[in-house]
Protein backbone atom coordinates (compact mmCIF):
# COMPACT_ATOMS: atom_id res chain seq x y z
CA MET A 1 0.02 -0.14 -0.11
CA ALA A 2 0.98 3.13 -0.65
CA GLN A 3 2.37 5.91 1.92
CA PRO A 4 0.09 8.79 2.85
CA GLU A 5 3.44 10.78 1.29
CA ARG A 6 3.21 9.83 -1.54
CA ILE A 7 0.51 10.11 -2.53
CA ALA A 8 0.51 13.45 -2.14
CA ILE A 9 3.26 13.93 -4.02
CA LEU A 10 1.75 11.28 -7.25
CA SER A 11 -1.41 13.58 -6.92
CA ASP A 12 0.31 16.24 -6.83
CA ARG A 13 2.67 16.57 -9.85
CA VAL A 14 -0.78 14.17 -11.35
CA ALA A 15 -2.69 17.86 -11.19
CA ALA A 16 0.26 19.48 -12.30
CA ILE A 17 0.26 16.98 -15.59
CA ALA A 18 -2.72 17.95 -16.42
CA ASP A 19 -3.55 21.30 -16.08
CA ALA A 20 -0.07 22.23 -18.52
CA LYS A 21 -2.20 19.49 -20.69
CA ILE A 22 -5.60 21.07 -20.38
CA LYS A 23 -3.73 24.25 -21.17
CA GLN A 24 -2.77 22.94 -23.93
CA ILE A 25 -5.72 21.89 -24.98
CA ARG A 26 -7.72 25.03 -24.95
CA LYS A 27 -4.81 26.75 -26.96
CA VAL A 28 -4.72 24.68 -29.60
CA THR A 29 -8.54 24.43 -29.35
CA GLU A 30 -7.92 28.59 -30.06
CA GLU A 31 -5.99 28.62 -32.55
CA THR A 32 -8.75 26.44 -34.07
CA ALA A 33 -11.57 28.86 -33.57
CA ILE A 34 -9.09 32.17 -34.85
CA LEU A 35 -8.40 29.88 -38.22
CA ALA A 36 -12.60 28.98 -38.24
CA ILE A 37 -12.95 32.70 -38.05
CA ASN A 38 -10.45 33.50 -40.75
CA ALA A 39 -12.12 31.05 -42.91
CA SER A 40 -15.13 32.57 -42.82
CA ILE A 41 -13.43 35.11 -43.66
CA GLU A 42 -12.05 34.47 -46.82
CA ALA A 43 -15.29 32.59 -47.77
CA ALA A 44 -17.18 35.60 -47.18
CA HIS A 45 -14.51 37.48 -49.99
CA ALA A 46 -15.19 34.26 -52.47
CA GLY A 47 -19.24 35.11 -52.06
CA THR A 48 -21.42 33.04 -53.68
CA ALA A 49 -17.98 30.06 -54.39
CA GLY A 50 -17.55 30.52 -50.48
CA ARG A 51 -20.40 29.29 -49.48
CA GLY A 52 -19.46 25.77 -48.83
CA PHE A 53 -16.64 27.00 -47.11
CA SER A 54 -18.16 28.58 -44.90
CA VAL A 55 -20.70 25.57 -43.12
CA VAL A 56 -17.13 23.98 -43.05
CA ALA A 57 -15.53 26.52 -40.78
CA SER A 58 -18.59 26.98 -39.14
CA ALA A 59 -18.41 23.05 -38.35
CA VAL A 60 -14.16 23.63 -37.13
CA LYS A 61 -15.34 26.69 -34.68
CA ASP A 62 -18.24 24.16 -32.94
CA VAL A 63 -15.38 22.04 -32.69
CA SER A 64 -13.38 23.80 -30.94
CA ASN A 65 -15.79 25.06 -28.82
CA ARG A 66 -16.96 21.80 -27.53
CA ILE A 67 -13.46 20.36 -27.59
CA ASN A 68 -12.46 23.63 -24.38
CA GLU A 69 -15.91 22.40 -22.58
CA ILE A 70 -14.68 19.54 -22.13
CA ALA A 71 -11.33 20.12 -21.24
CA GLY A 72 -12.84 22.18 -18.44
CA ASP A 73 -15.38 20.11 -17.64
CA LEU A 74 -11.89 17.60 -17.39
CA SER A 75 -10.19 19.94 -15.14
CA ASN A 76 -12.64 20.15 -12.66
CA GLU A 77 -13.60 16.41 -12.23
CA LEU A 78 -9.66 16.25 -12.05
CA LYS A 79 -9.24 18.60 -9.53
CA THR A 80 -12.01 17.55 -6.85
CA ALA A 81 -10.05 13.78 -7.45
CA VAL A 82 -7.31 15.12 -6.63
CA VAL A 83 -8.26 16.93 -3.79
CA GLU A 84 -10.06 14.12 -2.30
CA LEU A 85 -7.13 11.78 -2.58
């Protein structure tokens, strides 16, 4: 069985790793959202020919938002679990 000190150290380590990875995920989703906005602008410039691309850009933005929400949920759930340890 693990010693309480070891559990505390590992809990802190898990929390730090999770926090770093969630920050990376949020950075990527932020970049994806910006790309989707830029793609929407370019689609608007293309007029009728860019209409389909605009739909794709909007879907990419929606996916980015969903991933960001999942990352937030993961962060909250991990923090709660680590505190319980």
